[in-house]
């Protein structure tokens, strides 16, 4: 299993084991409740998913780069849902 697959697997395990739904996970990590996750909020998700601290910043930037379709450098619910669909 490659690094990307390992990271996605850890995120899936976190969401599956600690939340009833992906929506609940999104709401939990969207600390300010604005409907969008910042890179900092994504880093917190990665921390809870036990992603190595050294690479969290890089991974959060890549997640935003890969899934931010609106170009606002944030991940909204629709973008998060698309990312989760690729994991499952």
PDB file of N, CA and C in Angstrom:
ATOM      1  N   UNK A   1       0.859  -1.184   0.000  1.00  0.00           N
ATOM      2  CA  UNK A   1       0.000   0.000   0.000  1.00  0.00           C
ATOM      3  C   UNK A   1       0.897   1.237   0.000  1.00  0.00           C
ATOM      4  N   UNK A   2       0.606   2.188  -0.872  1.00  0.00           N
ATOM      5  CA  UNK A   2       1.394   3.407  -0.946  1.00  0.00           C
ATOM      6  C   UNK A   2       0.999   4.397   0.126  1.00  0.00           C
ATOM      7  N   UNK A   3       1.768   5.475   0.206  1.00  0.00           N
ATOM      8  CA  UNK A   3       1.531   6.493   1.240  1.00  0.00           C
ATOM      9  C   UNK A   3       0.140   7.123   1.098  1.00  0.00           C
ATOM     10  N   UNK A   4      -0.262   7.432  -0.131  1.00  0.00           N
ATOM     11  CA  UNK A   4      -1.569   8.058  -0.343  1.00  0.00           C
ATOM     12  C   UNK A   4      -2.691   7.128   0.127  1.00  0.00           C
ATOM     13  N   UNK A   5      -2.602   5.865  -0.260  1.00  0.00           N
ATOM     14  CA  UNK A   5      -3.620   4.902   0.130  1.00  0.00           C
ATOM     15  C   UNK A   5      -3.649   4.725   1.645  1.00  0.00           C
ATOM     16  N   UNK A   6      -2.482   4.730   2.272  1.00  0.00           N
ATOM     17  CA  UNK A   6      -2.391   4.592   3.727  1.00  0.00           C
ATOM     18  C   UNK A   6      -3.074   5.772   4.417  1.00  0.00           C
ATOM     19  N   UNK A   7      -2.833   6.980   3.942  1.00  0.00           N
ATOM     20  CA  UNK A   7      -3.447   8.175   4.522  1.00  0.00           C
ATOM     21  C   UNK A   7      -4.967   8.134   4.342  1.00  0.00           C
ATOM     22  N   UNK A   8      -5.424   7.807   3.137  1.00  0.00           N
ATOM     23  CA  UNK A   8      -6.862   7.737   2.879  1.00  0.00           C
ATOM     24  C   UNK A   8      -7.516   6.650   3.732  1.00  0.00           C
ATOM     25  N   UNK A   9      -6.825   5.527   3.909  1.00  0.00           N
ATOM     26  CA  UNK A   9      -7.342   4.454   4.745  1.00  0.00           C
ATOM     27  C   UNK A   9      -7.493   4.914   6.198  1.00  0.00           C
ATOM     28  N   UNK A  10      -6.512   5.643   6.714  1.00  0.00           N
ATOM     29  CA  UNK A  10      -6.581   6.140   8.094  1.00  0.00           C
ATOM     30  C   UNK A  10      -7.726   7.134   8.266  1.00  0.00           C
ATOM     31  N   UNK A  11      -7.958   7.968   7.254  1.00  0.00           N
ATOM     32  CA  UNK A  11      -9.072   8.916   7.311  1.00  0.00           C
ATOM     33  C   UNK A  11     -10.403   8.157   7.319  1.00  0.00           C
ATOM     34  N   UNK A  12     -10.513   7.131   6.484  1.00  0.00           N
ATOM     35  CA  UNK A  12     -11.736   6.334   6.439  1.00  0.00           C
ATOM     36  C   UNK A  12     -11.974   5.649   7.779  1.00  0.00           C
ATOM     37  N   UNK A  13     -10.934   5.093   8.370  1.00  0.00           N
ATOM     38  CA  UNK A  13     -11.067   4.434   9.675  1.00  0.00           C
ATOM     39  C   UNK A  13     -11.537   5.426  10.728  1.00  0.00           C
ATOM     40  N   UNK A  14     -10.953   6.618  10.734  1.00  0.00           N
ATOM     41  CA  UNK A  14     -11.371   7.653  11.688  1.00  0.00           C
ATOM     42  C   UNK A  14     -12.857   7.960  11.538  1.00  0.00           C
ATOM     43  N   UNK A  15     -13.289   8.225  10.325  1.00  0.00           N
ATOM     44  CA  UNK A  15     -14.684   8.607  10.086  1.00  0.00           C
ATOM     45  C   UNK A  15     -15.626   7.457  10.434  1.00  0.00           C
ATOM     46  N   UNK A  16     -15.268   6.255  10.038  1.00  0.00           N
ATOM     47  CA  UNK A  16     -16.112   5.087  10.288  1.00  0.00           C
ATOM     48  C   UNK A  16     -16.219   4.750  11.769  1.00  0.00           C
ATOM     49  N   UNK A  17     -15.088   4.833  12.480  1.00  0.00           N
ATOM     50  CA  UNK A  17     -15.062   4.394  13.872  1.00  0.00           C
ATOM     51  C   UNK A  17     -15.531   5.442  14.880  1.00  0.00           C
ATOM     52  N   UNK A  18     -15.485   6.717  14.514  1.00  0.00           N
ATOM     53  CA  UNK A  18     -15.767   7.754  15.497  1.00  0.00           C
ATOM     54  C   UNK A  18     -16.988   8.622  15.190  1.00  0.00           C
ATOM     55  N   UNK A  19     -17.570   8.431  14.023  1.00  0.00           N
ATOM     56  CA  UNK A  19     -18.712   9.261  13.639  1.00  0.00           C
ATOM     57  C   UNK A  19     -19.789   8.397  13.008  1.00  0.00           C
ATOM     58  N   UNK A  20     -21.034   8.787  13.187  1.00  0.00           N
ATOM     59  CA  UNK A  20     -22.141   8.036  12.603  1.00  0.00           C
ATOM     60  C   UNK A  20     -22.200   8.226  11.101  1.00  0.00           C
ATOM     61  N   UNK A  21     -21.867   9.445  10.646  1.00  0.00           N
ATOM     62  CA  UNK A  21     -21.942   9.761   9.218  1.00  0.00           C
ATOM     63  C   UNK A  21     -20.775  10.670   8.831  1.00  0.00           C
ATOM     64  N   UNK A  22     -20.444  10.743   7.546  1.00  0.00           N
ATOM     65  CA  UNK A  22     -19.440  11.710   7.103  1.00  0.00           C
ATOM     66  C   UNK A  22     -19.842  13.150   7.423  1.00  0.00           C
ATOM     67  N   UNK A  23     -21.162  13.442   7.396  1.00  0.00           N
ATOM     68  CA  UNK A  23     -21.642  14.784   7.733  1.00  0.00           C
ATOM     69  C   UNK A  23     -21.276  15.143   9.169  1.00  0.00           C
ATOM     70  N   UNK A  24     -21.421  14.178  10.057  1.00  0.00           N
ATOM     71  CA  UNK A  24     -21.078  14.406  11.456  1.00  0.00           C
ATOM     72  C   UNK A  24     -19.581  14.683  11.602  1.00  0.00           C
ATOM     73  N   UNK A  25     -18.766  13.951  10.863  1.00  0.00           N
ATOM     74  CA  UNK A  25     -17.312  14.165  10.900  1.00  0.00           C
ATOM     75  C   UNK A  25     -16.978  15.565  10.383  1.00  0.00           C
ATOM     76  N   UNK A  26     -17.603  15.958   9.281  1.00  0.00           N
ATOM     77  CA  UNK A  26     -17.351  17.283   8.712  1.00  0.00           C
ATOM     78  C   UNK A  26     -17.712  18.371   9.716  1.00  0.00           C
ATOM     79  N   UNK A  27     -18.879  18.244  10.316  1.00  0.00           N
ATOM     80  CA  UNK A  27     -19.326  19.249  11.294  1.00  0.00           C
ATOM     81  C   UNK A  27     -18.388  19.308  12.495  1.00  0.00           C
ATOM     82  N   UNK A  28     -17.884  18.167  12.928  1.00  0.00           N
ATOM     83  CA  UNK A  28     -16.974  18.125  14.067  1.00  0.00           C
ATOM     84  C   UNK A  28     -15.677  18.881  13.770  1.00  0.00           C
ATOM     85  N   UNK A  29     -15.128  18.690  12.590  1.00  0.00           N
ATOM     86  CA  UNK A  29     -13.848  19.319  12.257  1.00  0.00           C
ATOM     87  C   UNK A  29     -13.999  20.743  11.738  1.00  0.00           C
ATOM     88  N   UNK A  30     -15.197  21.125  11.330  1.00  0.00           N
ATOM     89  CA  UNK A  30     -15.474  22.513  10.925  1.00  0.00           C
ATOM     90  C   UNK A  30     -15.705  23.320  12.199  1.00  0.00           C
ATOM     91  N   UNK A  31     -14.620  23.645  12.885  1.00  0.00           N
ATOM     92  CA  UNK A  31     -14.682  24.237  14.232  1.00  0.00           C
ATOM     93  C   UNK A  31     -15.486  25.525  14.309  1.00  0.00           C
ATOM     94  N   UNK A  32     -15.374  26.383  13.290  1.00  0.00           N
ATOM     95  CA  UNK A  32     -16.092  27.662  13.348  1.00  0.00           C
ATOM     96  C   UNK A  32     -17.508  27.566  12.776  1.00  0.00           C
ATOM     97  N   UNK A  33     -17.877  26.388  12.266  1.00  0.00           N
ATOM     98  CA  UNK A  33     -19.239  26.171  11.791  1.00  0.00           C
ATOM     99  C   UNK A  33     -19.629  26.956  10.566  1.00  0.00           C
ATOM    100  N   UNK A  34     -18.633  27.377   9.770  1.00  0.00           N
ATOM    101  CA  UNK A  34     -18.952  28.183   8.592  1.00  0.00           C
ATOM    102  C   UNK A  34     -19.255  27.349   7.346  1.00  0.00           C
ATOM    103  N   UNK A  35     -19.241  26.021   7.494  1.00  0.00           N
ATOM    104  CA  UNK A  35     -19.547  25.156   6.356  1.00  0.00           C
ATOM    105  C   UNK A  35     -18.363  24.883   5.468  1.00  0.00           C
ATOM    106  N   UNK A  36     -17.174  25.304   5.907  1.00  0.00           N
ATOM    107  CA  UNK A  36     -15.953  25.081   5.130  1.00  0.00           C
ATOM    108  C   UNK A  36     -14.816  24.722   6.075  1.00  0.00           C
ATOM    109  N   UNK A  37     -13.985  23.799   5.626  1.00  0.00           N
ATOM    110  CA  UNK A  37     -12.831  23.414   6.431  1.00  0.00           C
ATOM    111  C   UNK A  37     -11.584  24.130   5.921  1.00  0.00           C
ATOM    112  N   UNK A  38     -10.876  24.772   6.836  1.00  0.00           N
ATOM    113  CA  UNK A  38      -9.617  25.419   6.506  1.00  0.00           C
ATOM    114  C   UNK A  38      -8.506  24.378   6.522  1.00  0.00           C
ATOM    115  N   UNK A  39      -7.324  24.771   6.055  1.00  0.00           N
ATOM    116  CA  UNK A  39      -6.179  23.857   6.126  1.00  0.00           C
ATOM    117  C   UNK A  39      -5.907  23.467   7.574  1.00  0.00           C
ATOM    118  N   UNK A  40      -6.064  24.401   8.501  1.00  0.00           N
ATOM    119  CA  UNK A  40      -5.863  24.106   9.910  1.00  0.00           C
ATOM    120  C   UNK A  40      -6.853  23.079  10.438  1.00  0.00           C
ATOM    121  N   UNK A  41      -8.094  23.189  10.005  1.00  0.00           N
ATOM    122  CA  UNK A  41      -9.105  22.216  10.420  1.00  0.00           C
ATOM    123  C   UNK A  41      -8.826  20.848   9.804  1.00  0.00           C
ATOM    124  N   UNK A  42      -8.321  20.845   8.580  1.00  0.00           N
ATOM    125  CA  UNK A  42      -7.948  19.587   7.933  1.00  0.00           C
ATOM    126  C   UNK A  42      -6.756  18.960   8.650  1.00  0.00           C
ATOM    127  N   UNK A  43      -5.800  19.787   9.071  1.00  0.00           N
ATOM    128  CA  UNK A  43      -4.657  19.283   9.840  1.00  0.00           C
ATOM    129  C   UNK A  43      -5.150  18.602  11.115  1.00  0.00           C
ATOM    130  N   UNK A  44      -6.159  19.169  11.768  1.00  0.00           N
ATOM    131  CA  UNK A  44      -6.723  18.560  12.980  1.00  0.00           C
ATOM    132  C   UNK A  44      -7.350  17.202  12.660  1.00  0.00           C
ATOM    133  N   UNK A  45      -8.061  17.111  11.551  1.00  0.00           N
ATOM    134  CA  UNK A  45      -8.621  15.834  11.112  1.00  0.00           C
ATOM    135  C   UNK A  45      -7.492  14.826  10.906  1.00  0.00           C
ATOM    136  N   UNK A  46      -6.421  15.232  10.242  1.00  0.00           N
ATOM    137  CA  UNK A  46      -5.289  14.347   9.984  1.00  0.00           C
ATOM    138  C   UNK A  46      -4.613  13.914  11.279  1.00  0.00           C
ATOM    139  N   UNK A  47      -4.548  14.829  12.234  1.00  0.00           N
ATOM    140  CA  UNK A  47      -3.963  14.505  13.540  1.00  0.00           C
ATOM    141  C   UNK A  47      -4.799  13.413  14.216  1.00  0.00           C
ATOM    142  N   UNK A  48      -6.115  13.575  14.212  1.00  0.00           N
ATOM    143  CA  UNK A  48      -7.004  12.584  14.824  1.00  0.00           C
ATOM    144  C   UNK A  48      -6.945  11.247  14.079  1.00  0.00           C
ATOM    145  N   UNK A  49      -6.615  11.293  12.780  1.00  0.00           N
ATOM    146  CA  UNK A  49      -6.487  10.078  11.976  1.00  0.00           C
ATOM    147  C   UNK A  49      -5.100   9.444  12.132  1.00  0.00           C
ATOM    148  N   UNK A  50      -4.299  10.029  13.026  1.00  0.00           N
ATOM    149  CA  UNK A  50      -2.959   9.524  13.333  1.00  0.00           C
ATOM    150  C   UNK A  50      -2.011   9.571  12.140  1.00  0.00           C
ATOM    151  N   UNK A  51      -2.129  10.653  11.365  1.00  0.00           N
ATOM    152  CA  UNK A  51      -1.185  10.907  10.275  1.00  0.00           C
ATOM    153  C   UNK A  51       0.035  11.576  10.894  1.00  0.00           C
ATOM    154  N   UNK A  52       1.205  11.144  10.509  1.00  0.00           N
ATOM    155  CA  UNK A  52       2.467  11.660  11.042  1.00  0.00           C
ATOM    156  C   UNK A  52       2.505  13.185  11.000  1.00  0.00           C
ATOM    157  N   UNK A  53       2.895  13.778  12.124  1.00  0.00           N
ATOM    158  CA  UNK A  53       2.944  15.235  12.247  1.00  0.00           C
ATOM    159  C   UNK A  53       3.806  15.920  11.212  1.00  0.00           C
ATOM    160  N   UNK A  54       4.867  15.270  10.788  1.00  0.00           N
ATOM    161  CA  UNK A  54       5.781  15.857   9.817  1.00  0.00           C
ATOM    162  C   UNK A  54       5.093  16.107   8.472  1.00  0.00           C
ATOM    163  N   UNK A  55       4.185  15.220   8.080  1.00  0.00           N
ATOM    164  CA  UNK A  55       3.586  15.352   6.750  1.00  0.00           C
ATOM    165  C   UNK A  55       2.183  15.951   6.753  1.00  0.00           C
ATOM    166  N   UNK A  56       1.615  16.209   7.933  1.00  0.00           N
ATOM    167  CA  UNK A  56       0.234  16.732   7.986  1.00  0.00           C
ATOM    168  C   UNK A  56       0.040  17.989   7.150  1.00  0.00           C
ATOM    169  N   UNK A  57       0.963  18.938   7.269  1.00  0.00           N
ATOM    170  CA  UNK A  57       0.839  20.191   6.523  1.00  0.00           C
ATOM    171  C   UNK A  57       0.838  19.969   5.025  1.00  0.00           C
ATOM    172  N   UNK A  58       1.738  19.093   4.580  1.00  0.00           N
ATOM    173  CA  UNK A  58       1.812  18.795   3.141  1.00  0.00           C
ATOM    174  C   UNK A  58       0.547  18.090   2.663  1.00  0.00           C
ATOM    175  N   UNK A  59       0.072  17.144   3.461  1.00  0.00           N
ATOM    176  CA  UNK A  59      -1.120  16.395   3.080  1.00  0.00           C
ATOM    177  C   UNK A  59      -2.342  17.310   3.038  1.00  0.00           C
ATOM    178  N   UNK A  60      -2.473  18.200   4.026  1.00  0.00           N
ATOM    179  CA  UNK A  60      -3.634  19.107   4.027  1.00  0.00           C
ATOM    180  C   UNK A  60      -3.599  20.013   2.799  1.00  0.00           C
ATOM    181  N   UNK A  61      -2.420  20.503   2.445  1.00  0.00           N
ATOM    182  CA  UNK A  61      -2.297  21.350   1.251  1.00  0.00           C
ATOM    183  C   UNK A  61      -2.670  20.575  -0.007  1.00  0.00           C
ATOM    184  N   UNK A  62      -2.240  19.323  -0.092  1.00  0.00           N
ATOM    185  CA  UNK A  62      -2.561  18.491  -1.262  1.00  0.00           C
ATOM    186  C   UNK A  62      -4.049  18.161  -1.322  1.00  0.00           C
ATOM    187  N   UNK A  63      -4.663  17.928  -0.162  1.00  0.00           N
ATOM    188  CA  UNK A  63      -6.102  17.669  -0.149  1.00  0.00           C
ATOM    189  C   UNK A  63      -6.869  18.882  -0.648  1.00  0.00           C
ATOM    190  N   UNK A  64      -6.491  20.055  -0.177  1.00  0.00           N
ATOM    191  CA  UNK A  64      -7.150  21.285  -0.637  1.00  0.00           C
ATOM    192  C   UNK A  64      -6.907  21.460  -2.135  1.00  0.00           C
ATOM    193  N   UNK A  65      -5.671  21.288  -2.556  1.00  0.00           N
ATOM    194  CA  UNK A  65      -5.328  21.437  -3.972  1.00  0.00           C
ATOM    195  C   UNK A  65      -6.127  20.463  -4.840  1.00  0.00           C
ATOM    196  N   UNK A  66      -6.283  19.229  -4.363  1.00  0.00           N
ATOM    197  CA  UNK A  66      -6.954  18.210  -5.157  1.00  0.00           C
ATOM    198  C   UNK A  66      -8.466  18.276  -5.162  1.00  0.00           C
ATOM    199  N   UNK A  67      -9.065  18.797  -4.097  1.00  0.00           N
ATOM    200  CA  UNK A  67     -10.527  18.738  -3.972  1.00  0.00           C
ATOM    201  C   UNK A  67     -11.220  20.090  -3.931  1.00  0.00           C
ATOM    202  N   UNK A  68     -10.489  21.188  -3.826  1.00  0.00           N
ATOM    203  CA  UNK A  68     -11.079  22.527  -3.780  1.00  0.00           C
ATOM    204  C   UNK A  68     -11.475  22.956  -5.185  1.00  0.00           C
ATOM    205  N   UNK A  69     -12.694  22.655  -5.550  1.00  0.00           N
ATOM    206  CA  UNK A  69     -13.171  22.987  -6.896  1.00  0.00           C
ATOM    207  C   UNK A  69     -13.569  24.454  -7.033  1.00  0.00           C
ATOM    208  N   UNK A  70     -13.901  25.117  -5.920  1.00  0.00           N
ATOM    209  CA  UNK A  70     -14.340  26.511  -5.980  1.00  0.00           C
ATOM    210  C   UNK A  70     -13.164  27.490  -6.003  1.00  0.00           C
ATOM    211  N   UNK A  71     -11.965  27.015  -5.658  1.00  0.00           N
ATOM    212  CA  UNK A  71     -10.781  27.863  -5.704  1.00  0.00           C
ATOM    213  C   UNK A  71     -10.623  28.801  -4.518  1.00  0.00           C
ATOM    214  N   UNK A  72     -11.359  28.559  -3.421  1.00  0.00           N
ATOM    215  CA  UNK A  72     -11.269  29.455  -2.264  1.00  0.00           C
ATOM    216  C   UNK A  72     -10.273  28.961  -1.203  1.00  0.00           C
ATOM    217  N   UNK A  73      -9.560  27.874  -1.528  1.00  0.00           N
ATOM    218  CA  UNK A  73      -8.569  27.272  -0.633  1.00  0.00           C
ATOM    219  C   UNK A  73      -9.193  26.737   0.659  1.00  0.00           C
ATOM    220  N   UNK A  74     -10.465  26.378   0.568  1.00  0.00           N
ATOM    221  CA  UNK A  74     -11.206  25.766   1.658  1.00  0.00           C
ATOM    222  C   UNK A  74     -11.924  24.541   1.095  1.00  0.00           C
ATOM    223  N   UNK A  75     -12.294  23.623   1.980  1.00  0.00           N
ATOM    224  CA  UNK A  75     -13.052  22.448   1.557  1.00  0.00           C
ATOM    225  C   UNK A  75     -14.461  22.567   2.126  1.00  0.00           C
ATOM    226  N   UNK A  76     -15.446  22.727   1.232  1.00  0.00           N
ATOM    227  CA  UNK A  76     -16.829  22.799   1.690  1.00  0.00           C
ATOM    228  C   UNK A  76     -17.418  21.387   1.740  1.00  0.00           C
ATOM    229  N   UNK A  77     -18.663  21.277   2.165  1.00  0.00           N
ATOM    230  CA  UNK A  77     -19.273  19.969   2.344  1.00  0.00           C
ATOM    231  C   UNK A  77     -19.276  19.162   1.046  1.00  0.00           C
ATOM    232  N   UNK A  78     -19.654  19.781  -0.075  1.00  0.00           N
ATOM    233  CA  UNK A  78     -19.709  19.050  -1.350  1.00  0.00           C
ATOM    234  C   UNK A  78     -18.328  18.520  -1.735  1.00  0.00           C
ATOM    235  N   UNK A  79     -17.299  19.337  -1.545  1.00  0.00           N
ATOM    236  CA  UNK A  79     -15.935  18.922  -1.869  1.00  0.00           C
ATOM    237  C   UNK A  79     -15.476  17.801  -0.930  1.00  0.00           C
ATOM    238  N   UNK A  80     -15.826  17.910   0.346  1.00  0.00           N
ATOM    239  CA  UNK A  80     -15.495  16.884   1.326  1.00  0.00           C
ATOM    240  C   UNK A  80     -16.183  15.572   0.959  1.00  0.00           C
ATOM    241  N   UNK A  81     -17.451  15.672   0.576  1.00  0.00           N
ATOM    242  CA  UNK A  81     -18.230  14.493   0.202  1.00  0.00           C
ATOM    243  C   UNK A  81     -17.598  13.787  -1.002  1.00  0.00           C
ATOM    244  N   UNK A  82     -17.109  14.553  -1.962  1.00  0.00           N
ATOM    245  CA  UNK A  82     -16.451  13.965  -3.134  1.00  0.00           C
ATOM    246  C   UNK A  82     -15.152  13.261  -2.717  1.00  0.00           C
ATOM    247  N   UNK A  83     -14.406  13.869  -1.813  1.00  0.00           N
ATOM    248  CA  UNK A  83     -13.165  13.261  -1.328  1.00  0.00           C
ATOM    249  C   UNK A  83     -13.474  11.956  -0.600  1.00  0.00           C
ATOM    250  N   UNK A  84     -14.490  11.954   0.251  1.00  0.00           N
ATOM    251  CA  UNK A  84     -14.872  10.771   1.007  1.00  0.00           C
ATOM    252  C   UNK A  84     -15.345   9.668   0.074  1.00  0.00           C
ATOM    253  N   UNK A  85     -16.058  10.030  -0.986  1.00  0.00           N
ATOM    254  CA  UNK A  85     -16.552   9.033  -1.944  1.00  0.00           C
ATOM    255  C   UNK A  85     -15.396   8.287  -2.598  1.00  0.00           C
ATOM    256  N   UNK A  86     -14.281   8.974  -2.818  1.00  0.00           N
ATOM    257  CA  UNK A  86     -13.106   8.325  -3.412  1.00  0.00           C
ATOM    258  C   UNK A  86     -12.446   7.367  -2.429  1.00  0.00           C
ATOM    259  N   UNK A  87     -12.600   7.629  -1.154  1.00  0.00           N
ATOM    260  CA  UNK A  87     -11.995   6.774  -0.123  1.00  0.00           C
ATOM    261  C   UNK A  87     -12.786   5.479   0.008  1.00  0.00           C
ATOM    262  N   UNK A  88     -14.116   5.568  -0.040  1.00  0.00           N
ATOM    263  CA  UNK A  88     -14.960   4.400   0.251  1.00  0.00           C
ATOM    264  C   UNK A  88     -14.984   3.396  -0.839  1.00  0.00           C
TER     265      UNK A  88
END
